[in-house]
Amino acid sequence: MLYGIAGASFFYQAGNVPYEAQEVRAYGLLLHDLVSRLKQADEQSDKDTVGILQEIVQQCIGNKAVTIQRPTFSMLHERLT
């Protein structure tokens, strides 16, 4: 899969739901690709981490038609920290 950085310098105001939802989906696709390349998780903590990342992927890309249901980057940040 190829990834571009065409929008890397683009700023948008917080609360711009349609644009942020599109970017969250792109992040989910990237995260999906990265998670799929992880080696088999041996330790329980690794399995838990992979499980959380897979849940986040599903939240980001699961329902293409309903962008309003995607998490915001703020929500993802809270979940990952």
N, C-alpha and C. Protein backbone atom coordinates (compact mmCIF):
# COMPACT_ATOMS: atom_id res chain seq x y z
N MET A 1 0.84 -1.17 0.00
CA MET A 1 0.00 0.00 0.00
C MET A 1 0.90 1.24 0.00
N LEU A 2 0.54 2.22 -0.78
CA LEU A 2 1.30 3.46 -0.83
C LEU A 2 0.59 4.55 -0.03
N TYR A 3 1.38 5.34 0.65
CA TYR A 3 0.83 6.44 1.44
C TYR A 3 1.43 7.75 0.93
N GLY A 4 0.61 8.75 0.80
CA GLY A 4 1.08 10.06 0.37
C GLY A 4 1.01 11.05 1.51
N ILE A 5 1.65 12.19 1.34
CA ILE A 5 1.64 13.22 2.36
C ILE A 5 1.11 14.54 1.80
N ALA A 6 0.22 14.44 0.82
CA ALA A 6 -0.28 15.64 0.16
C ALA A 6 -0.93 16.61 1.12
N GLY A 7 -1.59 16.12 2.17
CA GLY A 7 -2.28 16.99 3.10
C GLY A 7 -1.50 17.25 4.37
N ALA A 8 -0.23 16.89 4.39
CA ALA A 8 0.56 16.99 5.62
C ALA A 8 0.68 18.41 6.14
N SER A 9 0.62 19.40 5.27
CA SER A 9 0.77 20.78 5.73
C SER A 9 -0.56 21.52 5.83
N PHE A 10 -1.64 20.81 5.75
CA PHE A 10 -2.95 21.42 5.78
C PHE A 10 -3.45 21.52 7.22
N PHE A 11 -3.92 22.68 7.61
CA PHE A 11 -4.48 22.89 8.93
C PHE A 11 -5.99 23.09 8.80
N TYR A 12 -6.72 22.59 9.74
CA TYR A 12 -8.16 22.78 9.75
C TYR A 12 -8.59 23.10 11.17
N GLN A 13 -9.70 23.77 11.30
CA GLN A 13 -10.19 24.14 12.62
C GLN A 13 -10.79 22.93 13.32
N ALA A 14 -10.59 22.87 14.61
CA ALA A 14 -11.20 21.80 15.40
C ALA A 14 -12.71 21.85 15.22
N GLY A 15 -13.32 20.72 15.15
CA GLY A 15 -14.76 20.67 14.98
C GLY A 15 -15.20 20.54 13.54
N ASN A 16 -14.25 20.53 12.60
CA ASN A 16 -14.59 20.32 11.20
C ASN A 16 -14.78 18.83 10.99
N VAL A 17 -15.97 18.34 11.35
CA VAL A 17 -16.23 16.90 11.42
C VAL A 17 -15.99 16.18 10.09
N PRO A 18 -16.52 16.64 8.97
CA PRO A 18 -16.31 15.88 7.74
C PRO A 18 -14.83 15.72 7.38
N TYR A 19 -14.06 16.79 7.52
CA TYR A 19 -12.64 16.68 7.17
C TYR A 19 -11.90 15.81 8.17
N GLU A 20 -12.14 16.00 9.45
CA GLU A 20 -11.44 15.20 10.45
C GLU A 20 -11.82 13.73 10.33
N ALA A 21 -13.06 13.44 10.03
CA ALA A 21 -13.49 12.06 9.85
C ALA A 21 -12.75 11.40 8.70
N GLN A 22 -12.51 12.15 7.65
CA GLN A 22 -11.75 11.63 6.51
C GLN A 22 -10.31 11.34 6.92
N GLU A 23 -9.71 12.24 7.69
CA GLU A 23 -8.34 12.04 8.16
C GLU A 23 -8.23 10.90 9.17
N VAL A 24 -9.24 10.74 10.01
CA VAL A 24 -9.26 9.63 10.97
C VAL A 24 -9.34 8.31 10.21
N ARG A 25 -10.13 8.26 9.15
CA ARG A 25 -10.19 7.04 8.34
C ARG A 25 -8.83 6.74 7.72
N ALA A 26 -8.16 7.74 7.21
CA ALA A 26 -6.82 7.54 6.64
C ALA A 26 -5.86 7.03 7.71
N TYR A 27 -5.95 7.58 8.91
CA TYR A 27 -5.12 7.11 10.03
C TYR A 27 -5.44 5.65 10.34
N GLY A 28 -6.72 5.30 10.32
CA GLY A 28 -7.13 3.92 10.58
C GLY A 28 -6.58 2.96 9.54
N LEU A 29 -6.55 3.38 8.28
CA LEU A 29 -5.98 2.53 7.23
C LEU A 29 -4.48 2.33 7.44
N LEU A 30 -3.78 3.38 7.81
CA LEU A 30 -2.36 3.27 8.11
C LEU A 30 -2.13 2.35 9.30
N LEU A 31 -2.90 2.55 10.37
CA LEU A 31 -2.77 1.73 11.56
C LEU A 31 -3.09 0.26 11.26
N HIS A 32 -4.09 0.03 10.42
CA HIS A 32 -4.43 -1.34 10.01
C HIS A 32 -3.24 -2.01 9.33
N ASP A 33 -2.61 -1.29 8.44
CA ASP A 33 -1.45 -1.84 7.74
C ASP A 33 -0.31 -2.15 8.72
N LEU A 34 -0.08 -1.26 9.66
CA LEU A 34 1.00 -1.47 10.63
C LEU A 34 0.69 -2.64 11.56
N VAL A 35 -0.53 -2.71 12.06
CA VAL A 35 -0.91 -3.79 12.97
C VAL A 35 -0.83 -5.15 12.27
N SER A 36 -1.21 -5.18 11.01
CA SER A 36 -1.17 -6.45 10.27
C SER A 36 0.26 -6.95 10.06
N ARG A 37 1.23 -6.08 10.21
CA ARG A 37 2.64 -6.47 10.04
C ARG A 37 3.33 -6.83 11.35
N LEU A 38 2.62 -6.71 12.46
CA LEU A 38 3.22 -7.07 13.74
C LEU A 38 3.46 -8.57 13.80
N LYS A 39 4.54 -8.94 14.46
CA LYS A 39 4.81 -10.36 14.67
C LYS A 39 3.79 -10.91 15.66
N GLN A 40 3.70 -12.21 15.71
CA GLN A 40 2.77 -12.86 16.64
C GLN A 40 3.07 -12.39 18.06
N ALA A 41 2.05 -11.92 18.74
CA ALA A 41 2.21 -11.43 20.11
C ALA A 41 2.33 -12.63 21.06
N ASP A 42 3.42 -12.68 21.82
CA ASP A 42 3.66 -13.79 22.73
C ASP A 42 3.15 -13.51 24.13
N GLU A 43 3.46 -12.36 24.65
CA GLU A 43 3.08 -12.04 26.02
C GLU A 43 1.66 -11.49 26.05
N GLN A 44 0.99 -11.68 27.19
CA GLN A 44 -0.39 -11.23 27.32
C GLN A 44 -0.51 -9.72 27.13
N SER A 45 0.47 -8.95 27.64
CA SER A 45 0.41 -7.50 27.49
C SER A 45 0.50 -7.10 26.02
N ASP A 46 1.29 -7.85 25.24
CA ASP A 46 1.37 -7.58 23.80
C ASP A 46 0.05 -7.90 23.12
N LYS A 47 -0.58 -9.00 23.52
CA LYS A 47 -1.87 -9.37 22.95
C LYS A 47 -2.93 -8.32 23.28
N ASP A 48 -2.89 -7.81 24.50
CA ASP A 48 -3.83 -6.77 24.90
C ASP A 48 -3.62 -5.51 24.06
N THR A 49 -2.37 -5.13 23.85
CA THR A 49 -2.06 -3.93 23.06
C THR A 49 -2.53 -4.10 21.62
N VAL A 50 -2.26 -5.24 21.03
CA VAL A 50 -2.70 -5.50 19.66
C VAL A 50 -4.23 -5.48 19.59
N GLY A 51 -4.89 -6.03 20.60
CA GLY A 51 -6.35 -6.01 20.63
C GLY A 51 -6.91 -4.60 20.67
N ILE A 52 -6.29 -3.75 21.49
CA ILE A 52 -6.72 -2.35 21.57
C ILE A 52 -6.51 -1.65 20.23
N LEU A 53 -5.36 -1.88 19.60
CA LEU A 53 -5.08 -1.26 18.31
C LEU A 53 -6.08 -1.74 17.25
N GLN A 54 -6.44 -3.02 17.28
CA GLN A 54 -7.42 -3.53 16.33
C GLN A 54 -8.80 -2.92 16.55
N GLU A 55 -9.17 -2.69 17.80
CA GLU A 55 -10.44 -2.02 18.10
C GLU A 55 -10.43 -0.59 17.54
N ILE A 56 -9.32 0.10 17.71
CA ILE A 56 -9.20 1.46 17.20
C ILE A 56 -9.31 1.47 15.68
N VAL A 57 -8.67 0.51 15.03
CA VAL A 57 -8.76 0.40 13.57
C VAL A 57 -10.23 0.26 13.16
N GLN A 58 -10.97 -0.61 13.83
CA GLN A 58 -12.38 -0.81 13.48
C GLN A 58 -13.21 0.45 13.69
N GLN A 59 -12.90 1.18 14.75
CA GLN A 59 -13.63 2.43 15.00
C GLN A 59 -13.32 3.46 13.91
N CYS A 60 -12.11 3.45 13.40
CA CYS A 60 -11.69 4.44 12.39
C CYS A 60 -12.18 4.10 10.99
N ILE A 61 -12.23 2.82 10.64
CA ILE A 61 -12.57 2.45 9.26
C ILE A 61 -13.79 1.55 9.16
N GLY A 62 -14.39 1.17 10.27
CA GLY A 62 -15.45 0.18 10.29
C GLY A 62 -16.67 0.53 9.46
N ASN A 63 -17.20 1.71 9.61
CA ASN A 63 -18.43 2.09 8.92
C ASN A 63 -18.13 3.28 8.02
N LYS A 64 -17.88 2.99 6.75
CA LYS A 64 -17.49 4.04 5.80
C LYS A 64 -18.58 5.08 5.59
N ALA A 65 -19.82 4.66 5.68
CA ALA A 65 -20.92 5.55 5.33
C ALA A 65 -21.24 6.56 6.43
N VAL A 66 -20.95 6.23 7.69
CA VAL A 66 -21.36 7.08 8.80
C VAL A 66 -20.13 7.74 9.40
N THR A 67 -19.70 8.84 8.81
CA THR A 67 -18.48 9.51 9.26
C THR A 67 -18.64 10.15 10.63
N ILE A 68 -19.85 10.52 10.99
CA ILE A 68 -20.07 11.18 12.28
C ILE A 68 -19.79 10.23 13.45
N GLN A 69 -19.81 8.92 13.21
CA GLN A 69 -19.57 7.95 14.27
C GLN A 69 -18.08 7.66 14.48
N ARG A 70 -17.24 8.15 13.61
CA ARG A 70 -15.81 7.93 13.79
C ARG A 70 -15.30 8.75 14.96
N PRO A 71 -14.29 8.25 15.66
CA PRO A 71 -13.72 9.03 16.76
C PRO A 71 -12.97 10.23 16.22
N THR A 72 -12.79 11.24 17.05
CA THR A 72 -11.95 12.38 16.69
C THR A 72 -10.52 12.05 17.08
N PHE A 73 -9.58 12.86 16.62
CA PHE A 73 -8.20 12.64 17.01
C PHE A 73 -8.01 12.85 18.51
N SER A 74 -8.79 13.72 19.11
CA SER A 74 -8.72 13.91 20.57
C SER A 74 -9.13 12.62 21.28
N MET A 75 -10.18 11.98 20.79
CA MET A 75 -10.63 10.73 21.39
C MET A 75 -9.57 9.64 21.22
N LEU A 76 -8.95 9.58 20.04
CA LEU A 76 -7.91 8.60 19.82
C LEU A 76 -6.71 8.85 20.72
N HIS A 77 -6.36 10.11 20.90
CA HIS A 77 -5.25 10.45 21.77
C HIS A 77 -5.50 9.98 23.20
N GLU A 78 -6.70 10.22 23.69
CA GLU A 78 -7.06 9.76 25.04
C GLU A 78 -6.96 8.24 25.16
N ARG A 79 -7.41 7.54 24.14
CA ARG A 79 -7.40 6.07 24.16
C ARG A 79 -5.98 5.51 24.11
N LEU A 80 -5.10 6.19 23.39
CA LEU A 80 -3.74 5.69 23.22
C LEU A 80 -2.78 6.10 24.34
N THR A 81 -3.18 7.05 25.15
CA THR A 81 -2.25 7.48 26.21
C THR A 81 -2.65 6.93 27.56
